[in-house]
All heavy atoms as atom14 arrays in JSON, in Angstrom:
{
  "sequence": "TGLNPAMLDLKAGRIDGYISDIPALLYYAKVTGGVK",
  "atom14_mask": [
    [1, 1, 1, 1, 1, 1, 1, 0, 0, 0, 0, 0, 0, 0],
    [1, 1, 1, 1, 0, 0, 0, 0, 0, 0, 0, 0, 0, 0],
    [1, 1, 1, 1, 1, 1, 1, 1, 0, 0, 0, 0, 0, 0],
    [1, 1, 1, 1, 1, 1, 1, 1, 0, 0, 0, 0, 0, 0],
    [1, 1, 1, 1, 1, 1, 1, 0, 0, 0, 0, 0, 0, 0],
    [1, 1, 1, 1, 1, 0, 0, 0, 0, 0, 0, 0, 0, 0],
    [1, 1, 1, 1, 1, 1, 1, 1, 0, 0, 0, 0, 0, 0],
    [1, 1, 1, 1, 1, 1, 1, 1, 0, 0, 0, 0, 0, 0],
    [1, 1, 1, 1, 1, 1, 1, 1, 0, 0, 0, 0, 0, 0],
    [1, 1, 1, 1, 1, 1, 1, 1, 0, 0, 0, 0, 0, 0],
    [1, 1, 1, 1, 1, 1, 1, 1, 1, 0, 0, 0, 0, 0],
    [1, 1, 1, 1, 1, 0, 0, 0, 0, 0, 0, 0, 0, 0],
    [1, 1, 1, 1, 0, 0, 0, 0, 0, 0, 0, 0, 0, 0],
    [1, 1, 1, 1, 1, 1, 1, 1, 1, 1, 1, 0, 0, 0],
    [1, 1, 1, 1, 1, 1, 1, 1, 0, 0, 0, 0, 0, 0],
    [1, 1, 1, 1, 1, 1, 1, 1, 0, 0, 0, 0, 0, 0],
    [1, 1, 1, 1, 0, 0, 0, 0, 0, 0, 0, 0, 0, 0],
    [1, 1, 1, 1, 1, 1, 1, 1, 1, 1, 1, 1, 0, 0],
    [1, 1, 1, 1, 1, 1, 1, 1, 0, 0, 0, 0, 0, 0],
    [1, 1, 1, 1, 1, 1, 0, 0, 0, 0, 0, 0, 0, 0],
    [1, 1, 1, 1, 1, 1, 1, 1, 0, 0, 0, 0, 0, 0],
    [1, 1, 1, 1, 1, 1, 1, 1, 0, 0, 0, 0, 0, 0],
    [1, 1, 1, 1, 1, 1, 1, 0, 0, 0, 0, 0, 0, 0],
    [1, 1, 1, 1, 1, 0, 0, 0, 0, 0, 0, 0, 0, 0],
    [1, 1, 1, 1, 1, 1, 1, 1, 0, 0, 0, 0, 0, 0],
    [1, 1, 1, 1, 1, 1, 1, 1, 0, 0, 0, 0, 0, 0],
    [1, 1, 1, 1, 1, 1, 1, 1, 1, 1, 1, 1, 0, 0],
    [1, 1, 1, 1, 1, 1, 1, 1, 1, 1, 1, 1, 0, 0],
    [1, 1, 1, 1, 1, 0, 0, 0, 0, 0, 0, 0, 0, 0],
    [1, 1, 1, 1, 1, 1, 1, 1, 1, 0, 0, 0, 0, 0],
    [1, 1, 1, 1, 1, 1, 1, 0, 0, 0, 0, 0, 0, 0],
    [1, 1, 1, 1, 1, 1, 1, 0, 0, 0, 0, 0, 0, 0],
    [1, 1, 1, 1, 0, 0, 0, 0, 0, 0, 0, 0, 0, 0],
    [1, 1, 1, 1, 0, 0, 0, 0, 0, 0, 0, 0, 0, 0],
    [1, 1, 1, 1, 1, 1, 1, 0, 0, 0, 0, 0, 0, 0],
    [1, 1, 1, 1, 1, 1, 1, 1, 1, 0, 0, 0, 0, 0]
  ],
  "atom14_positions": [
    [[-21.77, 33.41, -62.28], [-21.32, 32.71, -63.66], [-21.32, 33.97, -64.64], [-22.29, 34.36, -65.13], [-22.14, 31.68, -64.06], [-22.31, 30.56, -63.09], [-21.69, 31.1, -65.37], [0.0, 0.0, 0.0], [0.0, 0.0, 0.0], [0.0, 0.0, 0.0], [0.0, 0.0, 0.0], [0.0, 0.0, 0.0], [0.0, 0.0, 0.0], [0.0, 0.0, 0.0]],
    [[-20.16, 34.46, -64.82], [-20.0, 35.57, -65.75], [-19.93, 36.94, -64.96], [-20.42, 37.05, -63.82], [0.0, 0.0, 0.0], [0.0, 0.0, 0.0], [0.0, 0.0, 0.0], [0.0, 0.0, 0.0], [0.0, 0.0, 0.0], [0.0, 0.0, 0.0], [0.0, 0.0, 0.0], [0.0, 0.0, 0.0], [0.0, 0.0, 0.0], [0.0, 0.0, 0.0]],
    [[-19.4, 37.88, -65.66], [-19.13, 39.28, -65.18], [-20.46, 40.14, -64.99], [-20.64, 40.89, -64.01], [-18.15, 39.99, -65.85], [-17.63, 41.4, -65.45], [-16.95, 41.29, -64.06], [-16.85, 42.02, -66.53], [0.0, 0.0, 0.0], [0.0, 0.0, 0.0], [0.0, 0.0, 0.0], [0.0, 0.0, 0.0], [0.0, 0.0, 0.0], [0.0, 0.0, 0.0]],
    [[-21.24, 40.1, -65.99], [-22.43, 41.03, -65.98], [-23.29, 40.87, -64.9], [-23.74, 41.89, -64.3], [-23.05, 40.82, -67.37], [-22.32, 41.36, -68.58], [-21.55, 42.42, -68.28], [-22.5, 41.02, -69.75], [0.0, 0.0, 0.0], [0.0, 0.0, 0.0], [0.0, 0.0, 0.0], [0.0, 0.0, 0.0], [0.0, 0.0, 0.0], [0.0, 0.0, 0.0]],
    [[-23.87, 39.52, -64.45], [-24.77, 39.52, -63.42], [-24.18, 40.04, -62.09], [-24.79, 40.58, -61.18], [-25.04, 38.02, -63.33], [-24.11, 37.33, -64.05], [-23.52, 38.28, -65.1], [0.0, 0.0, 0.0], [0.0, 0.0, 0.0], [0.0, 0.0, 0.0], [0.0, 0.0, 0.0], [0.0, 0.0, 0.0], [0.0, 0.0, 0.0], [0.0, 0.0, 0.0]],
    [[-22.81, 39.85, -61.87], [-22.09, 40.34, -60.75], [-22.15, 41.75, -60.73], [-22.3, 42.44, -59.57], [-20.69, 39.65, -60.68], [0.0, 0.0, 0.0], [0.0, 0.0, 0.0], [0.0, 0.0, 0.0], [0.0, 0.0, 0.0], [0.0, 0.0, 0.0], [0.0, 0.0, 0.0], [0.0, 0.0, 0.0], [0.0, 0.0, 0.0], [0.0, 0.0, 0.0]],
    [[-21.89, 42.4, -61.9], [-21.72, 43.94, -61.96], [-23.16, 44.5, -61.66], [-23.21, 45.6, -61.08], [-21.21, 44.35, -63.35], [-19.83, 44.02, -63.48], [-18.64, 44.83, -62.34], [-18.36, 43.43, -61.16], [0.0, 0.0, 0.0], [0.0, 0.0, 0.0], [0.0, 0.0, 0.0], [0.0, 0.0, 0.0], [0.0, 0.0, 0.0], [0.0, 0.0, 0.0]],
    [[-24.26, 43.85, -62.07], [-25.67, 44.22, -61.83], [-25.83, 44.27, -60.26], [-26.41, 45.25, -59.82], [-26.58, 43.5, -62.58], [-26.63, 43.68, -64.12], [-27.65, 42.62, -64.73], [-27.08, 45.05, -64.5], [0.0, 0.0, 0.0], [0.0, 0.0, 0.0], [0.0, 0.0, 0.0], [0.0, 0.0, 0.0], [0.0, 0.0, 0.0], [0.0, 0.0, 0.0]],
    [[-25.48, 43.24, -59.64], [-25.64, 43.17, -58.19], [-24.79, 44.08, -57.37], [-25.21, 44.68, -56.42], [-25.35, 41.81, -57.7], [-26.57, 40.76, -57.9], [-27.68, 41.26, -58.49], [-26.47, 39.71, -57.41], [0.0, 0.0, 0.0], [0.0, 0.0, 0.0], [0.0, 0.0, 0.0], [0.0, 0.0, 0.0], [0.0, 0.0, 0.0], [0.0, 0.0, 0.0]],
    [[-23.55, 44.36, -57.92], [-22.61, 45.21, -57.2], [-23.24, 46.7, -57.35], [-23.22, 47.51, -56.38], [-21.32, 45.27, -57.97], [-20.13, 46.11, -57.28], [-19.84, 45.65, -55.9], [-18.85, 45.9, -58.17], [0.0, 0.0, 0.0], [0.0, 0.0, 0.0], [0.0, 0.0, 0.0], [0.0, 0.0, 0.0], [0.0, 0.0, 0.0], [0.0, 0.0, 0.0]],
    [[-23.74, 47.1, -58.54], [-24.17, 48.43, -58.66], [-25.48, 48.58, -57.86], [-25.85, 49.68, -57.51], [-24.5, 48.75, -60.16], [-23.21, 48.76, -61.01], [-23.57, 48.9, -62.52], [-22.27, 48.83, -63.36], [-22.64, 48.94, -64.76], [0.0, 0.0, 0.0], [0.0, 0.0, 0.0], [0.0, 0.0, 0.0], [0.0, 0.0, 0.0], [0.0, 0.0, 0.0]],
    [[-26.25, 47.5, -57.71], [-27.56, 47.67, -57.0], [-27.3, 47.39, -55.46], [-28.29, 47.63, -54.71], [-28.5, 46.49, -57.43], [0.0, 0.0, 0.0], [0.0, 0.0, 0.0], [0.0, 0.0, 0.0], [0.0, 0.0, 0.0], [0.0, 0.0, 0.0], [0.0, 0.0, 0.0], [0.0, 0.0, 0.0], [0.0, 0.0, 0.0], [0.0, 0.0, 0.0]],
    [[-26.15, 47.19, -55.11], [-25.73, 47.12, -53.65], [-26.08, 45.76, -52.93], [-26.11, 45.63, -51.86], [0.0, 0.0, 0.0], [0.0, 0.0, 0.0], [0.0, 0.0, 0.0], [0.0, 0.0, 0.0], [0.0, 0.0, 0.0], [0.0, 0.0, 0.0], [0.0, 0.0, 0.0], [0.0, 0.0, 0.0], [0.0, 0.0, 0.0], [0.0, 0.0, 0.0]],
    [[-26.35, 44.82, -53.92], [-26.58, 43.32, -53.29], [-25.39, 42.6, -52.89], [-25.43, 41.64, -52.12], [-27.39, 42.59, -54.28], [-28.8, 43.07, -54.49], [-29.71, 42.26, -55.4], [-29.34, 42.38, -56.87], [-29.93, 43.28, -57.64], [-30.86, 44.06, -57.15], [-29.63, 43.45, -58.92], [0.0, 0.0, 0.0], [0.0, 0.0, 0.0], [0.0, 0.0, 0.0]],
    [[-24.16, 43.18, -53.44], [-22.95, 42.78, -52.96], [-22.07, 44.06, -52.66], [-22.34, 45.15, -53.25], [-22.14, 41.76, -53.77], [-21.89, 42.39, -55.25], [-22.98, 40.38, -53.88], [-21.14, 41.52, -56.15], [0.0, 0.0, 0.0], [0.0, 0.0, 0.0], [0.0, 0.0, 0.0], [0.0, 0.0, 0.0], [0.0, 0.0, 0.0], [0.0, 0.0, 0.0]],
    [[-21.04, 43.87, -51.83], [-20.36, 45.13, -51.52], [-18.98, 45.21, -52.32], [-18.43, 46.37, -52.55], [-19.89, 45.03, -50.06], [-21.2, 44.93, -49.07], [-21.92, 45.81, -49.06], [-21.29, 43.85, -48.45], [0.0, 0.0, 0.0], [0.0, 0.0, 0.0], [0.0, 0.0, 0.0], [0.0, 0.0, 0.0], [0.0, 0.0, 0.0], [0.0, 0.0, 0.0]],
    [[-18.48, 44.09, -52.8], [-17.32, 44.12, -53.72], [-17.26, 43.02, -54.56], [-18.06, 42.08, -54.39], [0.0, 0.0, 0.0], [0.0, 0.0, 0.0], [0.0, 0.0, 0.0], [0.0, 0.0, 0.0], [0.0, 0.0, 0.0], [0.0, 0.0, 0.0], [0.0, 0.0, 0.0], [0.0, 0.0, 0.0], [0.0, 0.0, 0.0], [0.0, 0.0, 0.0]],
    [[-16.24, 43.04, -55.51], [-16.09, 41.92, -56.47], [-14.62, 41.76, -56.68], [-13.8, 42.72, -56.82], [-16.78, 42.35, -57.81], [-16.84, 41.13, -58.88], [-17.56, 40.06, -58.66], [-15.85, 41.16, -59.95], [-17.6, 39.0, -59.64], [-15.84, 40.19, -60.84], [-16.64, 39.15, -60.71], [-16.59, 38.05, -61.64], [0.0, 0.0, 0.0], [0.0, 0.0, 0.0]],
    [[-14.07, 40.39, -56.77], [-12.79, 40.11, -56.85], [-12.55, 39.37, -58.06], [-13.31, 38.28, -58.37], [-12.32, 39.23, -55.58], [-12.36, 40.07, -54.33], [-10.85, 38.81, -55.89], [-11.98, 39.33, -53.13], [0.0, 0.0, 0.0], [0.0, 0.0, 0.0], [0.0, 0.0, 0.0], [0.0, 0.0, 0.0], [0.0, 0.0, 0.0], [0.0, 0.0, 0.0]],
    [[-11.72, 39.9, -59.08], [-11.46, 39.29, -60.31], [-10.15, 39.87, -60.91], [-9.45, 40.7, -60.28], [-12.62, 39.44, -61.21], [-12.46, 38.59, -62.4], [0.0, 0.0, 0.0], [0.0, 0.0, 0.0], [0.0, 0.0, 0.0], [0.0, 0.0, 0.0], [0.0, 0.0, 0.0], [0.0, 0.0, 0.0], [0.0, 0.0, 0.0], [0.0, 0.0, 0.0]],
    [[-9.76, 39.41, -62.07], [-8.59, 39.8, -62.75], [-8.66, 41.35, -62.93], [-9.6, 41.88, -63.41], [-8.38, 39.11, -64.15], [-8.33, 37.82, -64.08], [-8.05, 37.22, -62.97], [-8.4, 36.98, -64.97], [0.0, 0.0, 0.0], [0.0, 0.0, 0.0], [0.0, 0.0, 0.0], [0.0, 0.0, 0.0], [0.0, 0.0, 0.0], [0.0, 0.0, 0.0]],
    [[-7.58, 42.13, -62.49], [-7.5, 43.5, -62.62], [-7.81, 44.06, -64.12], [-8.4, 45.1, -64.27], [-6.35, 44.03, -61.91], [-6.39, 45.53, -61.73], [-5.03, 43.75, -62.71], [-5.45, 46.14, -60.75], [0.0, 0.0, 0.0], [0.0, 0.0, 0.0], [0.0, 0.0, 0.0], [0.0, 0.0, 0.0], [0.0, 0.0, 0.0], [0.0, 0.0, 0.0]],
    [[-7.09, 43.56, -65.15], [-7.31, 44.08, -66.45], [-8.71, 44.12, -66.89], [-9.24, 45.03, -67.48], [-6.46, 43.28, -67.38], [-6.11, 41.99, -66.67], [-6.21, 42.31, -65.17], [0.0, 0.0, 0.0], [0.0, 0.0, 0.0], [0.0, 0.0, 0.0], [0.0, 0.0, 0.0], [0.0, 0.0, 0.0], [0.0, 0.0, 0.0], [0.0, 0.0, 0.0]],
    [[-9.51, 42.96, -66.58], [-10.84, 42.8, -66.98], [-11.78, 43.81, -66.34], [-12.58, 44.52, -66.92], [-11.43, 41.4, -66.68], [0.0, 0.0, 0.0], [0.0, 0.0, 0.0], [0.0, 0.0, 0.0], [0.0, 0.0, 0.0], [0.0, 0.0, 0.0], [0.0, 0.0, 0.0], [0.0, 0.0, 0.0], [0.0, 0.0, 0.0], [0.0, 0.0, 0.0]],
    [[-11.46, 44.09, -64.99], [-12.25, 45.09, -64.33], [-11.92, 46.48, -64.54], [-12.79, 47.48, -64.58], [-12.15, 44.8, -62.85], [-13.21, 43.73, -62.27], [-14.56, 44.32, -62.45], [-13.08, 42.34, -62.88], [0.0, 0.0, 0.0], [0.0, 0.0, 0.0], [0.0, 0.0, 0.0], [0.0, 0.0, 0.0], [0.0, 0.0, 0.0], [0.0, 0.0, 0.0]],
    [[-10.66, 46.84, -64.9], [-10.22, 48.2, -65.32], [-10.88, 48.48, -66.57], [-11.48, 49.63, -66.79], [-8.7, 48.25, -65.42], [-7.95, 48.47, -64.14], [-6.43, 48.27, -64.3], [-8.28, 49.74, -63.38], [0.0, 0.0, 0.0], [0.0, 0.0, 0.0], [0.0, 0.0, 0.0], [0.0, 0.0, 0.0], [0.0, 0.0, 0.0], [0.0, 0.0, 0.0]],
    [[-10.85, 47.53, -67.47], [-11.56, 47.75, -68.84], [-13.07, 47.96, -68.71], [-13.59, 48.84, -69.3], [-11.22, 46.6, -69.86], [-11.59, 46.81, -71.09], [-11.03, 47.8, -71.99], [-12.74, 46.14, -71.72], [-11.35, 48.02, -73.33], [-13.21, 46.4, -73.02], [-12.47, 47.26, -73.7], [-12.91, 47.54, -75.13], [0.0, 0.0, 0.0], [0.0, 0.0, 0.0]],
    [[-13.7, 47.21, -67.86], [-15.13, 47.14, -67.66], [-15.53, 48.53, -67.09], [-16.38, 49.29, -67.45], [-15.62, 46.07, -66.69], [-17.12, 46.2, -66.48], [-18.0, 45.32, -67.25], [-17.66, 46.89, -65.48], [-19.3, 45.49, -67.03], [-19.03, 47.06, -65.3], [-19.87, 46.27, -66.02], [-21.25, 46.43, -65.86], [0.0, 0.0, 0.0], [0.0, 0.0, 0.0]],
    [[-14.62, 48.97, -66.1], [-14.92, 50.4, -65.42], [-14.82, 51.46, -66.43], [-15.54, 52.37, -66.44], [-13.93, 50.48, -64.3], [0.0, 0.0, 0.0], [0.0, 0.0, 0.0], [0.0, 0.0, 0.0], [0.0, 0.0, 0.0], [0.0, 0.0, 0.0], [0.0, 0.0, 0.0], [0.0, 0.0, 0.0], [0.0, 0.0, 0.0], [0.0, 0.0, 0.0]],
    [[-13.82, 51.38, -67.29], [-13.66, 52.34, -68.28], [-14.69, 52.49, -69.34], [-15.31, 53.5, -69.73], [-12.3, 52.18, -69.02], [-11.99, 53.15, -70.22], [-10.69, 52.78, -70.95], [-10.36, 53.69, -71.98], [-11.25, 53.47, -73.18], [0.0, 0.0, 0.0], [0.0, 0.0, 0.0], [0.0, 0.0, 0.0], [0.0, 0.0, 0.0], [0.0, 0.0, 0.0]],
    [[-15.13, 51.25, -69.85], [-16.07, 51.17, -70.89], [-17.53, 51.31, -70.43], [-18.38, 52.0, -71.11], [-15.88, 49.82, -71.76], [-17.01, 49.7, -72.83], [-14.49, 49.78, -72.48], [0.0, 0.0, 0.0], [0.0, 0.0, 0.0], [0.0, 0.0, 0.0], [0.0, 0.0, 0.0], [0.0, 0.0, 0.0], [0.0, 0.0, 0.0], [0.0, 0.0, 0.0]],
    [[-17.89, 50.69, -69.39], [-19.27, 50.62, -68.94], [-19.6, 51.59, -67.8], [-20.7, 52.15, -67.73], [-19.55, 49.13, -68.49], [-19.18, 48.25, -69.42], [-21.08, 49.01, -68.07], [0.0, 0.0, 0.0], [0.0, 0.0, 0.0], [0.0, 0.0, 0.0], [0.0, 0.0, 0.0], [0.0, 0.0, 0.0], [0.0, 0.0, 0.0], [0.0, 0.0, 0.0]],
    [[-18.7, 51.7, -66.89], [-18.77, 52.75, -65.72], [-19.63, 52.17, -64.61], [-20.06, 51.04, -64.66], [0.0, 0.0, 0.0], [0.0, 0.0, 0.0], [0.0, 0.0, 0.0], [0.0, 0.0, 0.0], [0.0, 0.0, 0.0], [0.0, 0.0, 0.0], [0.0, 0.0, 0.0], [0.0, 0.0, 0.0], [0.0, 0.0, 0.0], [0.0, 0.0, 0.0]],
    [[-19.94, 52.94, -63.63], [-20.73, 52.44, -62.53], [-20.01, 51.71, -61.45], [-20.53, 51.53, -60.31], [0.0, 0.0, 0.0], [0.0, 0.0, 0.0], [0.0, 0.0, 0.0], [0.0, 0.0, 0.0], [0.0, 0.0, 0.0], [0.0, 0.0, 0.0], [0.0, 0.0, 0.0], [0.0, 0.0, 0.0], [0.0, 0.0, 0.0], [0.0, 0.0, 0.0]],
    [[-18.68, 51.49, -61.73], [-17.84, 50.67, -60.76], [-16.49, 51.21, -60.79], [-16.02, 52.07, -61.74], [-17.8, 49.13, -61.01], [-19.1, 48.59, -60.94], [-17.12, 48.79, -62.3], [0.0, 0.0, 0.0], [0.0, 0.0, 0.0], [0.0, 0.0, 0.0], [0.0, 0.0, 0.0], [0.0, 0.0, 0.0], [0.0, 0.0, 0.0], [0.0, 0.0, 0.0]],
    [[-15.57, 51.02, -59.8], [-14.23, 51.46, -59.67], [-13.42, 50.35, -59.1], [-13.74, 49.75, -58.1], [-14.21, 52.81, -59.0], [-14.69, 52.67, -57.51], [-14.65, 54.11, -56.81], [-15.2, 54.06, -55.38], [-15.32, 55.3, -54.72], [0.0, 0.0, 0.0], [0.0, 0.0, 0.0], [0.0, 0.0, 0.0], [0.0, 0.0, 0.0], [0.0, 0.0, 0.0]]
  ]
}
């Protein structure tokens, strides 16, 4: 539920990938980093 908990798990290796709207993830990767 929500992007932030998923990104925390992705960075920690608890999941291998994340599927969502491309603009939201491109913007998150640019602003926050740690994912691509």
